[in-house]
Structures are given as C-alpha cells and as structure tokens.
Amino acid sequence: MLDSSKSARKVMLEESFTLALREGDFKYIAPFEGNTPDWLMNKAVESGLKPEGQLFDLSSDATENINIIDKMPERARAMQTKIEAIVSQNSYK
C-alpha cells in the first residue's frame, strides 16, 4: 500500500449498502435495492442510496454532487458490468 515503486490499483470496488466501482477519475454507484435503514434515513446527510445508478467524475466533482450518468451512459453500463462480473466471480451474494 505504501510502496511507491508499485502501480496503484486501476479499479476498486467499494461496499456499503450497495456496491460502487472507482475506475480512474470516475465513480459509479450501483442502484440500491432495498430499504434504507431507519438510522440512516433519519440523519441529515445524503446517503447516496438511489434506485438508479449514479456516475461521478471525481476529478471535477470530488464531493459527488453532480450525477453525470445521463451524459455518459456507456461508461455507467460498462462499470455496472464490471461490478456484476466481480460479484459473479466471487459468489458475493
């Protein structure tokens, strides 16, 4: 992790209440299926849990406020496909 002589990860899977994939400057958050827990719903913060996918360009939107999925649907579909491949490879569910 701290060895600067080695390459950094190109892709990283994040897990919370749904899955997200970071790839380069982009982060794709998969659609959330289920119910937001009460303790999270009652907080005064954006949970990021939406029934539709979300795509962010972290190079210009580090706070993930501007969902650009409508501008880059192909990238979003490709990232969703990668999530599905990771899940199926690892018997995640």
PDB file of N, CA and C in Angstrom:
ATOM      1  N   MET A   1       0.816  -1.187   0.000  1.00  0.00           N
ATOM      2  CA  MET A   1       0.000   0.000   0.000  1.00  0.00           C
ATOM      3  C   MET A   1       0.868   1.263   0.000  1.00  0.00           C
ATOM      4  N   LEU A   2       1.980   1.249   0.666  1.00  0.00           N
ATOM      5  CA  LEU A   2       2.826   2.431   0.744  1.00  0.00           C
ATOM      6  C   LEU A   2       4.052   2.342  -0.147  1.00  0.00           C
ATOM      7  N   ASP A   3       4.157   1.298  -0.938  1.00  0.00           N
ATOM      8  CA  ASP A   3       5.315   1.096  -1.799  1.00  0.00           C
ATOM      9  C   ASP A   3       5.141   1.889  -3.091  1.00  0.00           C
ATOM     10  N   SER A   4       5.775   3.045  -3.177  1.00  0.00           N
ATOM     11  CA  SER A   4       5.593   3.913  -4.335  1.00  0.00           C
ATOM     12  C   SER A   4       6.241   3.358  -5.602  1.00  0.00           C
ATOM     13  N   SER A   5       6.981   2.280  -5.482  1.00  0.00           N
ATOM     14  CA  SER A   5       7.579   1.684  -6.678  1.00  0.00           C
ATOM     15  C   SER A   5       6.583   0.799  -7.430  1.00  0.00           C
ATOM     16  N   LYS A   6       5.449   0.498  -6.809  1.00  0.00           N
ATOM     17  CA  LYS A   6       4.437  -0.342  -7.437  1.00  0.00           C
ATOM     18  C   LYS A   6       3.280   0.507  -7.947  1.00  0.00           C
ATOM     19  N   SER A   7       2.629   0.014  -8.970  1.00  0.00           N
ATOM     20  CA  SER A   7       1.489   0.719  -9.543  1.00  0.00           C
ATOM     21  C   SER A   7       0.302   0.705  -8.596  1.00  0.00           C
ATOM     22  N   ALA A   8      -0.473   1.767  -8.649  1.00  0.00           N
ATOM     23  CA  ALA A   8      -1.699   1.839  -7.857  1.00  0.00           C
ATOM     24  C   ALA A   8      -2.781   1.006  -8.533  1.00  0.00           C
ATOM     25  N   ARG A   9      -3.813   0.705  -7.793  1.00  0.00           N
ATOM     26  CA  ARG A   9      -4.948  -0.018  -8.367  1.00  0.00           C
ATOM     27  C   ARG A   9      -5.602   0.824  -9.455  1.00  0.00           C
ATOM     28  N   LYS A  10      -6.046   0.162 -10.473  1.00  0.00           N
ATOM     29  CA  LYS A  10      -6.770   0.843 -11.555  1.00  0.00           C
ATOM     30  C   LYS A  10      -8.269   0.875 -11.267  1.00  0.00           C
ATOM     31  N   VAL A  11      -8.736  -0.158 -10.562  1.00  0.00           N
ATOM     32  CA  VAL A  11     -10.154  -0.295 -10.257  1.00  0.00           C
ATOM     33  C   VAL A  11     -10.286  -0.716  -8.796  1.00  0.00           C
ATOM     34  N   MET A  12     -11.307  -0.144  -8.116  1.00  0.00           N
ATOM     35  CA  MET A  12     -11.534  -0.514  -6.718  1.00  0.00           C
ATOM     36  C   MET A  12     -13.039  -0.640  -6.490  1.00  0.00           C
ATOM     37  N   LEU A  13     -13.421  -1.733  -5.868  1.00  0.00           N
ATOM     38  CA  LEU A  13     -14.815  -1.967  -5.521  1.00  0.00           C
ATOM     39  C   LEU A  13     -15.040  -1.466  -4.100  1.00  0.00           C
ATOM     40  N   GLU A  14     -16.120  -0.700  -3.909  1.00  0.00           N
ATOM     41  CA  GLU A  14     -16.497  -0.216  -2.584  1.00  0.00           C
ATOM     42  C   GLU A  14     -17.808  -0.884  -2.196  1.00  0.00           C
ATOM     43  N   GLU A  15     -17.931  -1.190  -0.927  1.00  0.00           N
ATOM     44  CA  GLU A  15     -19.164  -1.803  -0.452  1.00  0.00           C
ATOM     45  C   GLU A  15     -19.692  -1.034   0.742  1.00  0.00           C
ATOM     46  N   SER A  16     -20.972  -0.708   0.668  1.00  0.00           N
ATOM     47  CA  SER A  16     -21.665  -0.122   1.794  1.00  0.00           C
ATOM     48  C   SER A  16     -23.032  -0.785   1.804  1.00  0.00           C
ATOM     49  N   PHE A  17     -24.091  -0.054   1.574  1.00  0.00           N
ATOM     50  CA  PHE A  17     -25.394  -0.688   1.444  1.00  0.00           C
ATOM     51  C   PHE A  17     -25.658  -1.087   0.004  1.00  0.00           C
ATOM     52  N   THR A  18     -24.823  -0.612  -0.891  1.00  0.00           N
ATOM     53  CA  THR A  18     -24.826  -1.017  -2.289  1.00  0.00           C
ATOM     54  C   THR A  18     -23.366  -1.062  -2.729  1.00  0.00           C
ATOM     55  N   LEU A  19     -23.121  -1.452  -3.945  1.00  0.00           N
ATOM     56  CA  LEU A  19     -21.743  -1.524  -4.439  1.00  0.00           C
ATOM     57  C   LEU A  19     -21.427  -0.317  -5.303  1.00  0.00           C
ATOM     58  N   ALA A  20     -20.172   0.078  -5.272  1.00  0.00           N
ATOM     59  CA  ALA A  20     -19.688   1.173  -6.115  1.00  0.00           C
ATOM     60  C   ALA A  20     -18.352   0.749  -6.697  1.00  0.00           C
ATOM     61  N   LEU A  21     -18.036   1.294  -7.842  1.00  0.00           N
ATOM     62  CA  LEU A  21     -16.777   0.986  -8.509  1.00  0.00           C
ATOM     63  C   LEU A  21     -16.069   2.290  -8.822  1.00  0.00           C
ATOM     64  N   ARG A  22     -14.816   2.380  -8.402  1.00  0.00           N
ATOM     65  CA  ARG A  22     -13.980   3.523  -8.761  1.00  0.00           C
ATOM     66  C   ARG A  22     -13.007   3.065  -9.824  1.00  0.00           C
ATOM     67  N   GLU A  23     -12.962   3.826 -10.889  1.00  0.00           N
ATOM     68  CA  GLU A  23     -12.094   3.496 -12.017  1.00  0.00           C
ATOM     69  C   GLU A  23     -11.532   4.815 -12.550  1.00  0.00           C
ATOM     70  N   GLY A  24     -10.244   5.023 -12.324  1.00  0.00           N
ATOM     71  CA  GLY A  24      -9.644   6.294 -12.717  1.00  0.00           C
ATOM     72  C   GLY A  24     -10.316   7.427 -11.969  1.00  0.00           C
ATOM     73  N   ASP A  25     -10.775   8.423 -12.713  1.00  0.00           N
ATOM     74  CA  ASP A  25     -11.434   9.576 -12.101  1.00  0.00           C
ATOM     75  C   ASP A  25     -12.926   9.375 -11.898  1.00  0.00           C
ATOM     76  N   PHE A  26     -13.446   8.214 -12.262  1.00  0.00           N
ATOM     77  CA  PHE A  26     -14.884   8.010 -12.212  1.00  0.00           C
ATOM     78  C   PHE A  26     -15.292   7.078 -11.075  1.00  0.00           C
ATOM     79  N   LYS A  27     -16.465   7.377 -10.515  1.00  0.00           N
ATOM     80  CA  LYS A  27     -17.071   6.510  -9.509  1.00  0.00           C
ATOM     81  C   LYS A  27     -18.508   6.247  -9.942  1.00  0.00           C
ATOM     82  N   TYR A  28     -18.823   4.963 -10.009  1.00  0.00           N
ATOM     83  CA  TYR A  28     -20.179   4.537 -10.352  1.00  0.00           C
ATOM     84  C   TYR A  28     -20.777   3.891  -9.116  1.00  0.00           C
ATOM     85  N   ILE A  29     -21.970   4.318  -8.734  1.00  0.00           N
ATOM     86  CA  ILE A  29     -22.685   3.725  -7.606  1.00  0.00           C
ATOM     87  C   ILE A  29     -23.861   2.944  -8.177  1.00  0.00           C
ATOM     88  N   ALA A  30     -23.881   1.653  -7.904  1.00  0.00           N
ATOM     89  CA  ALA A  30     -24.944   0.793  -8.421  1.00  0.00           C
ATOM     90  C   ALA A  30     -26.283   1.159  -7.789  1.00  0.00           C
ATOM     91  N   PRO A  31     -27.371   0.863  -8.479  1.00  0.00           N
ATOM     92  CA  PRO A  31     -28.691   1.125  -7.901  1.00  0.00           C
ATOM     93  C   PRO A  31     -28.851   0.399  -6.567  1.00  0.00           C
ATOM     94  N   PHE A  32     -29.515   1.052  -5.638  1.00  0.00           N
ATOM     95  CA  PHE A  32     -29.773   0.465  -4.325  1.00  0.00           C
ATOM     96  C   PHE A  32     -31.097  -0.268  -4.370  1.00  0.00           C
ATOM     97  N   GLU A  33     -31.060  -1.528  -3.968  1.00  0.00           N
ATOM     98  CA  GLU A  33     -32.268  -2.343  -3.901  1.00  0.00           C
ATOM     99  C   GLU A  33     -32.527  -2.653  -2.437  1.00  0.00           C
ATOM    100  N   GLY A  34     -33.647  -2.233  -1.956  1.00  0.00           N
ATOM    101  CA  GLY A  34     -33.960  -2.496  -0.555  1.00  0.00           C
ATOM    102  C   GLY A  34     -34.462  -1.237   0.120  1.00  0.00           C
ATOM    103  N   ASN A  35     -34.503  -1.310   1.426  1.00  0.00           N
ATOM    104  CA  ASN A  35     -34.976  -0.185   2.225  1.00  0.00           C
ATOM    105  C   ASN A  35     -33.810   0.459   2.953  1.00  0.00           C
ATOM    106  N   THR A  36     -33.764   1.776   2.912  1.00  0.00           N
ATOM    107  CA  THR A  36     -32.738   2.493   3.657  1.00  0.00           C
ATOM    108  C   THR A  36     -33.008   2.287   5.148  1.00  0.00           C
ATOM    109  N   PRO A  37     -31.999   1.877   5.901  1.00  0.00           N
ATOM    110  CA  PRO A  37     -32.207   1.673   7.338  1.00  0.00           C
ATOM    111  C   PRO A  37     -32.694   2.963   8.018  1.00  0.00           C
ATOM    112  N   ASP A  38     -33.575   2.823   9.006  1.00  0.00           N
ATOM    113  CA  ASP A  38     -34.131   3.984   9.702  1.00  0.00           C
ATOM    114  C   ASP A  38     -33.041   4.892  10.265  1.00  0.00           C
ATOM    115  N   TRP A  39     -32.014   4.283  10.862  1.00  0.00           N
ATOM    116  CA  TRP A  39     -30.977   5.108  11.486  1.00  0.00           C
ATOM    117  C   TRP A  39     -30.246   5.959  10.457  1.00  0.00           C
ATOM    118  N   LEU A  40     -30.177   5.498   9.215  1.00  0.00           N
ATOM    119  CA  LEU A  40     -29.523   6.265   8.165  1.00  0.00           C
ATOM    120  C   LEU A  40     -30.485   7.273   7.548  1.00  0.00           C
ATOM    121  N   MET A  41     -31.747   6.888   7.423  1.00  0.00           N
ATOM    122  CA  MET A  41     -32.743   7.760   6.836  1.00  0.00           C
ATOM    123  C   MET A  41     -32.974   8.994   7.713  1.00  0.00           C
ATOM    124  N   ASN A  42     -32.815   8.849   9.011  1.00  0.00           N
ATOM    125  CA  ASN A  42     -33.078   9.938   9.940  1.00  0.00           C
ATOM    126  C   ASN A  42     -31.909  10.905  10.100  1.00  0.00           C
ATOM    127  N   LYS A  43     -30.797  10.641   9.461  1.00  0.00           N
ATOM    128  CA  LYS A  43     -29.647  11.539   9.547  1.00  0.00           C
ATOM    129  C   LYS A  43     -29.817  12.674   8.543  1.00  0.00           C
ATOM    130  N   ALA A  44     -29.232  13.786   8.846  1.00  0.00           N
ATOM    131  CA  ALA A  44     -29.323  14.956   7.957  1.00  0.00           C
ATOM    132  C   ALA A  44     -28.167  14.969   6.965  1.00  0.00           C
ATOM    133  N   VAL A  45     -27.900  13.797   6.356  1.00  0.00           N
ATOM    134  CA  VAL A  45     -26.843  13.686   5.347  1.00  0.00           C
ATOM    135  C   VAL A  45     -27.389  12.911   4.153  1.00  0.00           C
ATOM    136  N   GLU A  46     -26.826  13.178   3.003  1.00  0.00           N
ATOM    137  CA  GLU A  46     -27.182  12.444   1.793  1.00  0.00           C
ATOM    138  C   GLU A  46     -26.573  11.046   1.880  1.00  0.00           C
ATOM    139  N   SER A  47     -27.389  10.020   1.781  1.00  0.00           N
ATOM    140  CA  SER A  47     -26.887   8.648   1.912  1.00  0.00           C
ATOM    141  C   SER A  47     -26.262   8.135   0.622  1.00  0.00           C
ATOM    142  N   GLY A  48     -26.661   8.689  -0.507  1.00  0.00           N
ATOM    143  CA  GLY A  48     -26.166   8.189  -1.785  1.00  0.00           C
ATOM    144  C   GLY A  48     -26.924   6.977  -2.282  1.00  0.00           C
ATOM    145  N   LEU A  49     -27.896   6.525  -1.525  1.00  0.00           N
ATOM    146  CA  LEU A  49     -28.667   5.344  -1.907  1.00  0.00           C
ATOM    147  C   LEU A  49     -29.845   5.765  -2.783  1.00  0.00           C
ATOM    148  N   LYS A  50     -29.776   5.368  -4.040  1.00  0.00           N
ATOM    149  CA  LYS A  50     -30.816   5.735  -5.008  1.00  0.00           C
ATOM    150  C   LYS A  50     -31.229   4.486  -5.779  1.00  0.00           C
ATOM    151  N   PRO A  51     -32.466   4.442  -6.274  1.00  0.00           N
ATOM    152  CA  PRO A  51     -32.914   3.274  -7.032  1.00  0.00           C
ATOM    153  C   PRO A  51     -32.322   3.215  -8.436  1.00  0.00           C
ATOM    154  N   GLU A  52     -31.646   4.281  -8.864  1.00  0.00           N
ATOM    155  CA  GLU A  52     -30.997   4.286 -10.177  1.00  0.00           C
ATOM    156  C   GLU A  52     -29.491   4.461  -9.983  1.00  0.00           C
ATOM    157  N   GLY A  53     -28.725   4.030 -10.978  1.00  0.00           N
ATOM    158  CA  GLY A  53     -27.276   4.166 -10.906  1.00  0.00           C
ATOM    159  C   GLY A  53     -26.844   5.625 -10.915  1.00  0.00           C
ATOM    160  N   GLN A  54     -25.645   5.863 -10.402  1.00  0.00           N
ATOM    161  CA  GLN A  54     -25.090   7.213 -10.358  1.00  0.00           C
ATOM    162  C   GLN A  54     -23.643   7.164 -10.850  1.00  0.00           C
ATOM    163  N   LEU A  55     -23.230   8.201 -11.549  1.00  0.00           N
ATOM    164  CA  LEU A  55     -21.875   8.282 -12.061  1.00  0.00           C
ATOM    165  C   LEU A  55     -21.320   9.668 -11.759  1.00  0.00           C
ATOM    166  N   PHE A  56     -20.109   9.709 -11.212  1.00  0.00           N
ATOM    167  CA  PHE A  56     -19.476  10.968 -10.850  1.00  0.00           C
ATOM    168  C   PHE A  56     -18.072  11.032 -11.436  1.00  0.00           C
ATOM    169  N   ASP A  57     -17.669  12.219 -11.875  1.00  0.00           N
ATOM    170  CA  ASP A  57     -16.301  12.477 -12.312  1.00  0.00           C
ATOM    171  C   ASP A  57     -15.589  13.135 -11.140  1.00  0.00           C
ATOM    172  N   LEU A  58     -14.807  12.358 -10.422  1.00  0.00           N
ATOM    173  CA  LEU A  58     -14.172  12.841  -9.197  1.00  0.00           C
ATOM    174  C   LEU A  58     -13.092  13.883  -9.455  1.00  0.00           C
ATOM    175  N   SER A  59     -12.611  13.987 -10.689  1.00  0.00           N
ATOM    176  CA  SER A  59     -11.590  14.993 -10.987  1.00  0.00           C
ATOM    177  C   SER A  59     -12.165  16.405 -10.931  1.00  0.00           C
ATOM    178  N   SER A  60     -13.454  16.537 -11.185  1.00  0.00           N
ATOM    179  CA  SER A  60     -14.086  17.856 -11.133  1.00  0.00           C
ATOM    180  C   SER A  60     -15.204  17.936 -10.102  1.00  0.00           C
ATOM    181  N   ASP A  61     -15.520  16.816  -9.460  1.00  0.00           N
ATOM    182  CA  ASP A  61     -16.629  16.758  -8.500  1.00  0.00           C
ATOM    183  C   ASP A  61     -16.288  15.784  -7.383  1.00  0.00           C
ATOM    184  N   ALA A  62     -15.318  16.149  -6.569  1.00  0.00           N
ATOM    185  CA  ALA A  62     -14.849  15.257  -5.501  1.00  0.00           C
ATOM    186  C   ALA A  62     -15.913  15.003  -4.441  1.00  0.00           C
ATOM    187  N   THR A  63     -16.891  15.884  -4.332  1.00  0.00           N
ATOM    188  CA  THR A  63     -17.935  15.715  -3.322  1.00  0.00           C
ATOM    189  C   THR A  63     -19.147  14.950  -3.845  1.00  0.00           C
ATOM    190  N   GLU A  64     -19.069  14.464  -5.078  1.00  0.00           N
ATOM    191  CA  GLU A  64     -20.108  13.628  -5.678  1.00  0.00           C
ATOM    192  C   GLU A  64     -21.481  14.295  -5.643  1.00  0.00           C
ATOM    193  N   ASN A  65     -21.539  15.517  -6.142  1.00  0.00           N
ATOM    194  CA  ASN A  65     -22.801  16.256  -6.181  1.00  0.00           C
ATOM    195  C   ASN A  65     -23.459  16.266  -7.547  1.00  0.00           C
ATOM    196  N   ILE A  66     -22.680  16.012  -8.609  1.00  0.00           N
ATOM    197  CA  ILE A  66     -23.217  16.128  -9.968  1.00  0.00           C
ATOM    198  C   ILE A  66     -23.219  14.756 -10.637  1.00  0.00           C
ATOM    199  N   ASN A  67     -24.387  14.161 -10.692  1.00  0.00           N
ATOM    200  CA  ASN A  67     -24.544  12.850 -11.317  1.00  0.00           C
ATOM    201  C   ASN A  67     -24.533  13.034 -12.839  1.00  0.00           C
ATOM    202  N   ILE A  68     -23.537  12.471 -13.503  1.00  0.00           N
ATOM    203  CA  ILE A  68     -23.378  12.644 -14.949  1.00  0.00           C
ATOM    204  C   ILE A  68     -23.778  11.392 -15.734  1.00  0.00           C
ATOM    205  N   ILE A  69     -24.555  10.529 -15.128  1.00  0.00           N
ATOM    206  CA  ILE A  69     -24.900   9.271 -15.781  1.00  0.00           C
ATOM    207  C   ILE A  69     -25.629   9.492 -17.107  1.00  0.00           C
ATOM    208  N   ASP A  70     -26.437  10.543 -17.207  1.00  0.00           N
ATOM    209  CA  ASP A  70     -27.142  10.815 -18.464  1.00  0.00           C
ATOM    210  C   ASP A  70     -26.185  11.266 -19.564  1.00  0.00           C
ATOM    211  N   LYS A  71     -25.051  11.825 -19.185  1.00  0.00           N
ATOM    212  CA  LYS A  71     -24.063  12.282 -20.171  1.00  0.00           C
ATOM    213  C   LYS A  71     -23.125  11.168 -20.606  1.00  0.00           C
ATOM    214  N   MET A  72     -22.976  10.129 -19.773  1.00  0.00           N
ATOM    215  CA  MET A  72     -22.035   9.041 -20.066  1.00  0.00           C
ATOM    216  C   MET A  72     -22.665   7.683 -19.768  1.00  0.00           C
ATOM    217  N   PRO A  73     -23.792   7.363 -20.391  1.00  0.00           N
ATOM    218  CA  PRO A  73     -24.463   6.095 -20.076  1.00  0.00           C
ATOM    219  C   PRO A  73     -23.636   4.865 -20.436  1.00  0.00           C
ATOM    220  N   GLU A  74     -22.804   4.958 -21.475  1.00  0.00           N
ATOM    221  CA  GLU A  74     -21.994   3.801 -21.868  1.00  0.00           C
ATOM    222  C   GLU A  74     -20.973   3.468 -20.776  1.00  0.00           C
ATOM    223  N   ARG A  75     -20.346   4.493 -20.220  1.00  0.00           N
ATOM    224  CA  ARG A  75     -19.380   4.270 -19.142  1.00  0.00           C
ATOM    225  C   ARG A  75     -20.079   3.656 -17.931  1.00  0.00           C
ATOM    226  N   ALA A  76     -21.247   4.168 -17.595  1.00  0.00           N
ATOM    227  CA  ALA A  76     -22.003   3.634 -16.462  1.00  0.00           C
ATOM    228  C   ALA A  76     -22.348   2.165 -16.689  1.00  0.00           C
ATOM    229  N   ARG A  77     -22.810   1.823 -17.894  1.00  0.00           N
ATOM    230  CA  ARG A  77     -23.147   0.418 -18.197  1.00  0.00           C
ATOM    231  C   ARG A  77     -21.913  -0.474 -18.100  1.00  0.00           C
ATOM    232  N   ALA A  78     -20.786   0.013 -18.602  1.00  0.00           N
ATOM    233  CA  ALA A  78     -19.550  -0.775 -18.545  1.00  0.00           C
ATOM    234  C   ALA A  78     -19.113  -1.001 -17.097  1.00  0.00           C
ATOM    235  N   MET A  79     -19.254   0.019 -16.275  1.00  0.00           N
ATOM    236  CA  MET A  79     -18.863  -0.126 -14.869  1.00  0.00           C
ATOM    237  C   MET A  79     -19.825  -1.044 -14.124  1.00  0.00           C
ATOM    238  N   GLN A  80     -21.121  -0.981 -14.451  1.00  0.00           N
ATOM    239  CA  GLN A  80     -22.093  -1.903 -13.850  1.00  0.00           C
ATOM    240  C   GLN A  80     -21.760  -3.340 -14.253  1.00  0.00           C
ATOM    241  N   THR A  81     -21.370  -3.534 -15.498  1.00  0.00           N
ATOM    242  CA  THR A  81     -20.985  -4.864 -15.979  1.00  0.00           C
ATOM    243  C   THR A  81     -19.774  -5.384 -15.214  1.00  0.00           C
ATOM    244  N   LYS A  82     -18.815  -4.518 -14.924  1.00  0.00           N
ATOM    245  CA  LYS A  82     -17.642  -4.932 -14.140  1.00  0.00           C
ATOM    246  C   LYS A  82     -18.043  -5.340 -12.732  1.00  0.00           C
ATOM    247  N   ILE A  83     -18.959  -4.591 -12.123  1.00  0.00           N
ATOM    248  CA  ILE A  83     -19.452  -4.962 -10.791  1.00  0.00           C
ATOM    249  C   ILE A  83     -20.091  -6.342 -10.853  1.00  0.00           C
ATOM    250  N   GLU A  84     -20.937  -6.568 -11.834  1.00  0.00           N
ATOM    251  CA  GLU A  84     -21.609  -7.861 -11.968  1.00  0.00           C
ATOM    252  C   GLU A  84     -20.605  -8.994 -12.166  1.00  0.00           C
ATOM    253  N   ALA A  85     -19.539  -8.744 -12.919  1.00  0.00           N
ATOM    254  CA  ALA A  85     -18.512  -9.771 -13.128  1.00  0.00           C
ATOM    255  C   ALA A  85     -17.777 -10.076 -11.830  1.00  0.00           C
ATOM    256  N   ILE A  86     -17.463  -9.047 -11.070  1.00  0.00           N
ATOM    257  CA  ILE A  86     -16.777  -9.252  -9.777  1.00  0.00           C
ATOM    258  C   ILE A  86     -17.671 -10.051  -8.836  1.00  0.00           C
ATOM    259  N   VAL A  87     -18.940  -9.681  -8.782  1.00  0.00           N
ATOM    260  CA  VAL A  87     -19.885 -10.373  -7.907  1.00  0.00           C
ATOM    261  C   VAL A  87     -20.009 -11.846  -8.299  1.00  0.00           C
ATOM    262  N   SER A  88     -20.148 -12.112  -9.597  1.00  0.00           N
ATOM    263  CA  SER A  88     -20.331 -13.495 -10.021  1.00  0.00           C
ATOM    264  C   SER A  88     -19.061 -14.314  -9.835  1.00  0.00           C
ATOM    265  N   GLN A  89     -17.894 -13.704 -10.004  1.00  0.00           N
ATOM    266  CA  GLN A  89     -16.619 -14.410  -9.792  1.00  0.00           C
ATOM    267  C   GLN A  89     -16.416 -14.814  -8.345  1.00  0.00           C
ATOM    268  N   ASN A  90     -16.909 -13.976  -7.454  1.00  0.00           N
ATOM    269  CA  ASN A  90     -16.608 -14.170  -6.036  1.00  0.00           C
ATOM    270  C   ASN A  90     -17.801 -14.687  -5.237  1.00  0.00           C
ATOM    271  N   SER A  91     -18.840 -15.109  -5.924  1.00  0.00           N
ATOM    272  CA  SER A  91     -20.052 -15.598  -5.237  1.00  0.00           C
ATOM    273  C   SER A  91     -20.424 -14.658  -4.115  1.00  0.00           C
ATOM    274  N   TYR A  92     -20.436 -13.379  -4.418  1.00  0.00           N
ATOM    275  CA  TYR A  92     -20.662 -12.335  -3.421  1.00  0.00           C
ATOM    276  C   TYR A  92     -22.003 -12.474  -2.710  1.00  0.00           C
ATOM    277  N   LYS A  93     -23.055 -12.766  -3.468  1.00  0.00           N
ATOM    278  CA  LYS A  93     -24.389 -12.775  -2.856  1.00  0.00           C
ATOM    279  C   LYS A  93     -24.748 -14.132  -2.341  1.00  0.00           C
TER     280      LYS A  93
END
